[in-house]
């Protein structure tokens, strides 16, 4: 069993580690899409694991941490098997998501990774998670850019939005999910100002995410949804 932190709490948290290359960082949109995909891929790899049911019954917490290339590889090698880690990649973005785990039992090598201050460069054009043209079966993540969220915060909100869309679509439109998976999970990220976010939200395909307000933004702020 891996060494863990001494903090003791029953709250479950999904840990997601984003690769942030110091020399050549991925564009922000690719990073957000990679984090969202890593989150849902960890679930899809073992959806019947009891931790998912326990997690979904309480605060659905996600923590996005960053690691350089060397540390990222070590995290994957050390914890992927034991904690159900599955990678998600989009364009140049790469992340690994794990099954929910009690906050007090997070491996120290993961717990010491930085959460705050994660920043990736913004691309001016809409970012496509796979290829240069938006695939027909792409899932479109819309982020509320008026909130000024950091990359790490926006990544967690992206993961919430994609996860919520997936669970709803599995129940209501499983054929859409099958088509998306068959197309290798294309994801597009759009950054919208307040007016566009409100306008596009009327066509949302999944729940609109409202943040609990623990960090960066006010409680109840609408942050993201799948278009």
C-alpha atoms as a PDB file:
ATOM      1  CA  UNK A   1       0.000   0.000   0.000  1.00  0.00           C
ATOM      2  CA  UNK A   2       1.290   3.458  -0.904  1.00  0.00           C
ATOM      3  CA  UNK A   3       2.334   5.959   1.760  1.00  0.00           C
ATOM      4  CA  UNK A   4      -0.491   8.406   2.441  1.00  0.00           C
ATOM      5  CA  UNK A   5      -1.061  11.733   4.136  1.00  0.00           C
ATOM      6  CA  UNK A   6      -1.886  11.819   7.867  1.00  0.00           C
ATOM      7  CA  UNK A   7      -4.989  13.931   7.380  1.00  0.00           C
ATOM      8  CA  UNK A   8      -8.104  11.936   8.284  1.00  0.00           C
ATOM      9  CA  UNK A   9     -11.378  12.707   6.502  1.00  0.00           C
ATOM     10  CA  UNK A  10     -14.034  10.565   4.881  1.00  0.00           C
ATOM     11  CA  UNK A  11     -14.724  13.025   2.052  1.00  0.00           C
ATOM     12  CA  UNK A  12     -13.977  11.413  -1.290  1.00  0.00           C
ATOM     13  CA  UNK A  13     -12.081  13.362  -3.923  1.00  0.00           C
ATOM     14  CA  UNK A  14     -11.158  12.506  -7.484  1.00  0.00           C
ATOM     15  CA  UNK A  15      -7.537  13.444  -8.066  1.00  0.00           C
ATOM     16  CA  UNK A  16      -6.529  14.490 -11.578  1.00  0.00           C
ATOM     17  CA  UNK A  17      -2.942  15.321 -12.527  1.00  0.00           C
ATOM     18  CA  UNK A  18      -2.315  17.579 -15.518  1.00  0.00           C
ATOM     19  CA  UNK A  19       0.978  17.530 -17.361  1.00  0.00           C
ATOM     20  CA  UNK A  20       2.370  21.077 -17.564  1.00  0.00           C
ATOM     21  CA  UNK A  21       5.598  21.106 -19.539  1.00  0.00           C
ATOM     22  CA  UNK A  22       7.770  23.999 -18.397  1.00  0.00           C
ATOM     23  CA  UNK A  23       9.525  24.405 -21.751  1.00  0.00           C
ATOM     24  CA  UNK A  24       6.631  23.836 -24.158  1.00  0.00           C
ATOM     25  CA  UNK A  25       3.267  23.875 -22.365  1.00  0.00           C
ATOM     26  CA  UNK A  26       0.139  22.702 -24.148  1.00  0.00           C
ATOM     27  CA  UNK A  27      -2.532  25.259 -25.075  1.00  0.00           C
ATOM     28  CA  UNK A  28      -5.105  25.843 -22.364  1.00  0.00           C
ATOM     29  CA  UNK A  29      -7.987  24.336 -24.322  1.00  0.00           C
ATOM     30  CA  UNK A  30      -6.069  21.107 -24.872  1.00  0.00           C
ATOM     31  CA  UNK A  31      -5.266  20.935 -21.168  1.00  0.00           C
ATOM     32  CA  UNK A  32      -8.891  21.468 -20.128  1.00  0.00           C
ATOM     33  CA  UNK A  33     -10.103  18.806 -22.541  1.00  0.00           C
ATOM     34  CA  UNK A  34      -7.421  16.357 -21.368  1.00  0.00           C
ATOM     35  CA  UNK A  35      -8.410  16.814 -17.718  1.00  0.00           C
ATOM     36  CA  UNK A  36     -12.101  16.326 -18.522  1.00  0.00           C
ATOM     37  CA  UNK A  37     -11.346  13.179 -20.511  1.00  0.00           C
ATOM     38  CA  UNK A  38      -9.068  11.776 -17.805  1.00  0.00           C
ATOM     39  CA  UNK A  39     -11.870  12.266 -15.283  1.00  0.00           C
ATOM     40  CA  UNK A  40     -14.504  10.387 -17.284  1.00  0.00           C
ATOM     41  CA  UNK A  41     -12.060   7.739 -18.530  1.00  0.00           C
ATOM     42  CA  UNK A  42     -11.248   6.712 -14.975  1.00  0.00           C
ATOM     43  CA  UNK A  43     -14.977   6.136 -14.457  1.00  0.00           C
ATOM     44  CA  UNK A  44     -15.511   4.349 -17.770  1.00  0.00           C
ATOM     45  CA  UNK A  45     -12.633   1.972 -17.024  1.00  0.00           C
ATOM     46  CA  UNK A  46     -14.402   0.592 -13.925  1.00  0.00           C
ATOM     47  CA  UNK A  47     -17.873   2.146 -13.494  1.00  0.00           C
ATOM     48  CA  UNK A  48     -19.026  -0.466 -10.976  1.00  0.00           C
ATOM     49  CA  UNK A  49     -16.227   0.165  -8.500  1.00  0.00           C
ATOM     50  CA  UNK A  50     -17.914   1.073  -5.164  1.00  0.00           C
ATOM     51  CA  UNK A  51     -15.958   4.300  -4.816  1.00  0.00           C
ATOM     52  CA  UNK A  52     -17.921   5.888  -7.677  1.00  0.00           C
ATOM     53  CA  UNK A  53     -21.281   5.250  -6.026  1.00  0.00           C
ATOM     54  CA  UNK A  54     -20.044   6.530  -2.661  1.00  0.00           C
ATOM     55  CA  UNK A  55     -18.520   9.609  -4.293  1.00  0.00           C
ATOM     56  CA  UNK A  56     -21.617  10.474  -6.319  1.00  0.00           C
ATOM     57  CA  UNK A  57     -23.701  10.353  -3.154  1.00  0.00           C
ATOM     58  CA  UNK A  58     -21.786  13.213  -1.509  1.00  0.00           C
ATOM     59  CA  UNK A  59     -19.882  16.331  -2.592  1.00  0.00           C
ATOM     60  CA  UNK A  60     -18.596  15.493  -6.071  1.00  0.00           C
ATOM     61  CA  UNK A  61     -15.119  16.884  -5.480  1.00  0.00           C
ATOM     62  CA  UNK A  62     -12.334  17.003  -8.041  1.00  0.00           C
ATOM     63  CA  UNK A  63      -8.806  18.262  -7.453  1.00  0.00           C
ATOM     64  CA  UNK A  64      -6.630  19.158 -10.447  1.00  0.00           C
ATOM     65  CA  UNK A  65      -2.915  19.173  -9.710  1.00  0.00           C
ATOM     66  CA  UNK A  66      -0.015  19.847 -12.034  1.00  0.00           C
ATOM     67  CA  UNK A  67       3.213  17.985 -12.692  1.00  0.00           C
ATOM     68  CA  UNK A  68       6.155  18.415 -15.033  1.00  0.00           C
ATOM     69  CA  UNK A  69       6.925  15.662 -17.518  1.00  0.00           C
ATOM     70  CA  UNK A  70       9.334  13.723 -15.294  1.00  0.00           C
ATOM     71  CA  UNK A  71       7.038  13.833 -12.266  1.00  0.00           C
ATOM     72  CA  UNK A  72       3.985  12.991 -14.362  1.00  0.00           C
ATOM     73  CA  UNK A  73       5.621   9.810 -15.635  1.00  0.00           C
ATOM     74  CA  UNK A  74       6.514   8.812 -12.070  1.00  0.00           C
ATOM     75  CA  UNK A  75       2.935   9.378 -10.896  1.00  0.00           C
ATOM     76  CA  UNK A  76       1.570   7.228 -13.707  1.00  0.00           C
ATOM     77  CA  UNK A  77       4.052   4.449 -13.020  1.00  0.00           C
ATOM     78  CA  UNK A  78       3.544   4.470  -9.248  1.00  0.00           C
ATOM     79  CA  UNK A  79      -0.213   4.875  -8.869  1.00  0.00           C
ATOM     80  CA  UNK A  80      -2.119   4.070 -12.082  1.00  0.00           C
ATOM     81  CA  UNK A  81      -2.766   0.437 -11.208  1.00  0.00           C
ATOM     82  CA  UNK A  82      -3.441   0.815  -7.491  1.00  0.00           C
ATOM     83  CA  UNK A  83      -5.731   3.850  -7.752  1.00  0.00           C
ATOM     84  CA  UNK A  84      -7.375   3.127 -11.108  1.00  0.00           C
ATOM     85  CA  UNK A  85      -5.551   5.864 -12.977  1.00  0.00           C
ATOM     86  CA  UNK A  86      -6.499   6.369 -16.635  1.00  0.00           C
ATOM     87  CA  UNK A  87      -5.068   8.970 -18.980  1.00  0.00           C
ATOM     88  CA  UNK A  88      -6.918  11.457 -21.134  1.00  0.00           C
ATOM     89  CA  UNK A  89      -5.297  13.252 -24.051  1.00  0.00           C
ATOM     90  CA  UNK A  90      -6.509  16.016 -26.322  1.00  0.00           C
ATOM     91  CA  UNK A  91      -4.254  17.649 -28.865  1.00  0.00           C
ATOM     92  CA  UNK A  92      -1.078  18.355 -26.910  1.00  0.00           C
ATOM     93  CA  UNK A  93      -2.818  18.067 -23.547  1.00  0.00           C
ATOM     94  CA  UNK A  94      -2.281  15.063 -21.287  1.00  0.00           C
ATOM     95  CA  UNK A  95      -3.703  14.237 -17.849  1.00  0.00           C
ATOM     96  CA  UNK A  96      -4.391  11.225 -15.661  1.00  0.00           C
ATOM     97  CA  UNK A  97      -7.516  10.782 -13.543  1.00  0.00           C
ATOM     98  CA  UNK A  98      -7.934   8.412 -10.602  1.00  0.00           C
ATOM     99  CA  UNK A  99     -10.872   6.797  -8.840  1.00  0.00           C
ATOM    100  CA  UNK A 100     -12.303   8.868  -5.949  1.00  0.00           C
ATOM    101  CA  UNK A 101     -10.350   8.331  -2.764  1.00  0.00           C
ATOM    102  CA  UNK A 102     -10.621   9.667   0.808  1.00  0.00           C
ATOM    103  CA  UNK A 103      -8.813  12.975   1.094  1.00  0.00           C
ATOM    104  CA  UNK A 104      -6.859  11.714   4.071  1.00  0.00           C
ATOM    105  CA  UNK A 105      -5.483   8.760   2.135  1.00  0.00           C
ATOM    106  CA  UNK A 106      -4.130  10.544  -0.928  1.00  0.00           C
ATOM    107  CA  UNK A 107      -0.563   9.370  -1.675  1.00  0.00           C
ATOM    108  CA  UNK A 108       1.975  11.951  -0.552  1.00  0.00           C
ATOM    109  CA  UNK A 109       3.552  12.099  -3.999  1.00  0.00           C
ATOM    110  CA  UNK A 110       0.211  13.278  -5.361  1.00  0.00           C
ATOM    111  CA  UNK A 111      -0.826  15.404  -2.372  1.00  0.00           C
ATOM    112  CA  UNK A 112       2.326  17.512  -2.590  1.00  0.00           C
ATOM    113  CA  UNK A 113       1.682  18.474  -6.215  1.00  0.00           C
ATOM    114  CA  UNK A 114       0.541  22.076  -6.630  1.00  0.00           C
ATOM    115  CA  UNK A 115      -3.146  22.848  -7.108  1.00  0.00           C
ATOM    116  CA  UNK A 116      -3.240  26.646  -7.265  1.00  0.00           C
ATOM    117  CA  UNK A 117      -1.510  28.791  -9.844  1.00  0.00           C
ATOM    118  CA  UNK A 118      -1.785  26.393 -12.779  1.00  0.00           C
ATOM    119  CA  UNK A 119      -1.711  28.402 -16.008  1.00  0.00           C
ATOM    120  CA  UNK A 120      -1.523  27.350 -19.644  1.00  0.00           C
ATOM    121  CA  UNK A 121      -1.337  29.712 -22.631  1.00  0.00           C
ATOM    122  CA  UNK A 122      -4.614  30.616 -24.316  1.00  0.00           C
ATOM    123  CA  UNK A 123      -5.212  30.055 -28.013  1.00  0.00           C
ATOM    124  CA  UNK A 124      -7.258  32.708 -29.782  1.00  0.00           C
ATOM    125  CA  UNK A 125      -9.249  30.302 -31.939  1.00  0.00           C
ATOM    126  CA  UNK A 126     -11.593  27.627 -30.542  1.00  0.00           C
ATOM    127  CA  UNK A 127      -9.584  24.637 -29.423  1.00  0.00           C
ATOM    128  CA  UNK A 128     -10.323  21.202 -30.837  1.00  0.00           C
ATOM    129  CA  UNK A 129      -9.272  18.307 -28.669  1.00  0.00           C
ATOM    130  CA  UNK A 130      -8.482  16.114 -31.664  1.00  0.00           C
ATOM    131  CA  UNK A 131      -7.222  17.339 -35.030  1.00  0.00           C
ATOM    132  CA  UNK A 132      -7.620  20.770 -36.598  1.00  0.00           C
ATOM    133  CA  UNK A 133     -11.257  20.443 -37.691  1.00  0.00           C
ATOM    134  CA  UNK A 134     -14.127  19.941 -35.279  1.00  0.00           C
ATOM    135  CA  UNK A 135     -15.310  16.323 -35.620  1.00  0.00           C
ATOM    136  CA  UNK A 136     -19.016  15.728 -36.222  1.00  0.00           C
ATOM    137  CA  UNK A 137     -19.362  13.790 -32.956  1.00  0.00           C
ATOM    138  CA  UNK A 138     -17.408  16.275 -30.834  1.00  0.00           C
ATOM    139  CA  UNK A 139     -18.613  17.166 -27.361  1.00  0.00           C
ATOM    140  CA  UNK A 140     -18.381  20.931 -26.913  1.00  0.00           C
ATOM    141  CA  UNK A 141     -17.351  22.247 -23.495  1.00  0.00           C
ATOM    142  CA  UNK A 142     -18.323  25.875 -22.896  1.00  0.00           C
ATOM    143  CA  UNK A 143     -16.467  27.777 -20.142  1.00  0.00           C
ATOM    144  CA  UNK A 144     -17.659  31.012 -18.545  1.00  0.00           C
ATOM    145  CA  UNK A 145     -14.659  33.187 -19.351  1.00  0.00           C
ATOM    146  CA  UNK A 146     -16.086  36.204 -17.528  1.00  0.00           C
ATOM    147  CA  UNK A 147     -15.224  34.568 -14.181  1.00  0.00           C
ATOM    148  CA  UNK A 148     -11.470  34.845 -14.754  1.00  0.00           C
ATOM    149  CA  UNK A 149     -10.834  31.262 -13.682  1.00  0.00           C
ATOM    150  CA  UNK A 150      -7.277  29.959 -13.602  1.00  0.00           C
ATOM    151  CA  UNK A 151      -6.429  27.000 -15.826  1.00  0.00           C
ATOM    152  CA  UNK A 152      -6.644  24.649 -12.855  1.00  0.00           C
ATOM    153  CA  UNK A 153     -10.050  25.935 -11.781  1.00  0.00           C
ATOM    154  CA  UNK A 154     -11.388  25.862 -15.333  1.00  0.00           C
ATOM    155  CA  UNK A 155     -10.041  22.336 -15.744  1.00  0.00           C
ATOM    156  CA  UNK A 156     -11.961  21.089 -12.703  1.00  0.00           C
ATOM    157  CA  UNK A 157     -15.136  22.752 -13.988  1.00  0.00           C
ATOM    158  CA  UNK A 158     -14.596  21.193 -17.423  1.00  0.00           C
ATOM    159  CA  UNK A 159     -14.300  17.786 -15.785  1.00  0.00           C
ATOM    160  CA  UNK A 160     -17.513  18.379 -13.813  1.00  0.00           C
ATOM    161  CA  UNK A 161     -19.361  19.381 -16.989  1.00  0.00           C
ATOM    162  CA  UNK A 162     -18.188  16.441 -19.095  1.00  0.00           C
ATOM    163  CA  UNK A 163     -18.844  13.977 -16.273  1.00  0.00           C
ATOM    164  CA  UNK A 164     -22.358  15.341 -15.711  1.00  0.00           C
ATOM    165  CA  UNK A 165     -23.099  15.208 -19.438  1.00  0.00           C
ATOM    166  CA  UNK A 166     -21.833  11.626 -19.680  1.00  0.00           C
ATOM    167  CA  UNK A 167     -23.963  10.332 -16.786  1.00  0.00           C
ATOM    168  CA  UNK A 168     -27.064  12.048 -18.148  1.00  0.00           C
ATOM    169  CA  UNK A 169     -26.437  10.875 -21.710  1.00  0.00           C
ATOM    170  CA  UNK A 170     -25.890   7.270 -20.600  1.00  0.00           C
ATOM    171  CA  UNK A 171     -29.442   7.333 -19.231  1.00  0.00           C
ATOM    172  CA  UNK A 172     -31.169   9.395 -21.905  1.00  0.00           C
ATOM    173  CA  UNK A 173     -29.201   8.961 -25.125  1.00  0.00           C
ATOM    174  CA  UNK A 174     -26.775   6.021 -24.964  1.00  0.00           C
ATOM    175  CA  UNK A 175     -26.427   6.037 -28.740  1.00  0.00           C
ATOM    176  CA  UNK A 176     -24.855   9.499 -28.536  1.00  0.00           C
ATOM    177  CA  UNK A 177     -22.323   8.207 -26.019  1.00  0.00           C
ATOM    178  CA  UNK A 178     -21.533   5.196 -28.201  1.00  0.00           C
ATOM    179  CA  UNK A 179     -20.968   7.447 -31.221  1.00  0.00           C
ATOM    180  CA  UNK A 180     -18.696   9.735 -29.210  1.00  0.00           C
ATOM    181  CA  UNK A 181     -16.647   6.825 -27.911  1.00  0.00           C
ATOM    182  CA  UNK A 182     -16.415   5.292 -31.386  1.00  0.00           C
ATOM    183  CA  UNK A 183     -15.103   8.628 -32.691  1.00  0.00           C
ATOM    184  CA  UNK A 184     -12.333   8.485 -30.035  1.00  0.00           C
ATOM    185  CA  UNK A 185     -13.893  11.048 -27.706  1.00  0.00           C
ATOM    186  CA  UNK A 186     -13.402  14.329 -29.581  1.00  0.00           C
ATOM    187  CA  UNK A 187     -13.777  17.377 -27.341  1.00  0.00           C
ATOM    188  CA  UNK A 188     -13.936  21.044 -28.292  1.00  0.00           C
ATOM    189  CA  UNK A 189     -13.400  23.807 -25.721  1.00  0.00           C
ATOM    190  CA  UNK A 190     -14.994  27.242 -26.123  1.00  0.00           C
ATOM    191  CA  UNK A 191     -14.403  30.257 -23.904  1.00  0.00           C
ATOM    192  CA  UNK A 192     -17.509  32.457 -23.755  1.00  0.00           C
ATOM    193  CA  UNK A 193     -18.072  35.904 -22.317  1.00  0.00           C
ATOM    194  CA  UNK A 194     -21.011  36.381 -19.963  1.00  0.00           C
ATOM    195  CA  UNK A 195     -23.543  37.183 -22.697  1.00  0.00           C
ATOM    196  CA  UNK A 196     -22.530  34.299 -24.955  1.00  0.00           C
ATOM    197  CA  UNK A 197     -22.393  31.903 -22.017  1.00  0.00           C
ATOM    198  CA  UNK A 198     -25.965  32.762 -21.057  1.00  0.00           C
ATOM    199  CA  UNK A 199     -27.144  32.541 -24.672  1.00  0.00           C
ATOM    200  CA  UNK A 200     -25.469  29.201 -25.367  1.00  0.00           C
ATOM    201  CA  UNK A 201     -26.666  27.759 -22.062  1.00  0.00           C
ATOM    202  CA  UNK A 202     -30.187  27.669 -23.505  1.00  0.00           C
ATOM    203  CA  UNK A 203     -28.930  24.917 -25.842  1.00  0.00           C
ATOM    204  CA  UNK A 204     -26.988  22.972 -23.221  1.00  0.00           C
ATOM    205  CA  UNK A 205     -26.902  19.188 -23.653  1.00  0.00           C
ATOM    206  CA  UNK A 206     -26.079  18.512 -20.016  1.00  0.00           C
ATOM    207  CA  UNK A 207     -26.365  20.129 -16.590  1.00  0.00           C
ATOM    208  CA  UNK A 208     -24.989  23.624 -16.123  1.00  0.00           C
ATOM    209  CA  UNK A 209     -22.271  23.439 -13.482  1.00  0.00           C
ATOM    210  CA  UNK A 210     -22.510  25.785 -10.498  1.00  0.00           C
ATOM    211  CA  UNK A 211     -19.430  26.064  -8.319  1.00  0.00           C
ATOM    212  CA  UNK A 212     -19.524  25.566  -4.558  1.00  0.00           C
ATOM    213  CA  UNK A 213     -17.312  28.614  -4.108  1.00  0.00           C
ATOM    214  CA  UNK A 214     -14.473  26.967  -2.184  1.00  0.00           C
ATOM    215  CA  UNK A 215     -11.805  28.662  -4.287  1.00  0.00           C
ATOM    216  CA  UNK A 216     -11.438  31.614  -6.676  1.00  0.00           C
ATOM    217  CA  UNK A 217     -15.077  32.377  -7.475  1.00  0.00           C
ATOM    218  CA  UNK A 218     -18.326  33.145  -5.655  1.00  0.00           C
ATOM    219  CA  UNK A 219     -20.608  30.280  -4.566  1.00  0.00           C
ATOM    220  CA  UNK A 220     -23.273  29.465  -7.129  1.00  0.00           C
ATOM    221  CA  UNK A 221     -21.339  30.871 -10.089  1.00  0.00           C
ATOM    222  CA  UNK A 222     -22.261  29.121 -13.349  1.00  0.00           C
ATOM    223  CA  UNK A 223     -18.973  27.879 -14.758  1.00  0.00           C
ATOM    224  CA  UNK A 224     -19.394  25.355 -17.562  1.00  0.00           C
ATOM    225  CA  UNK A 225     -21.696  23.089 -19.536  1.00  0.00           C
ATOM    226  CA  UNK A 226     -21.716  20.821 -22.570  1.00  0.00           C
ATOM    227  CA  UNK A 227     -23.265  22.424 -25.644  1.00  0.00           C
END
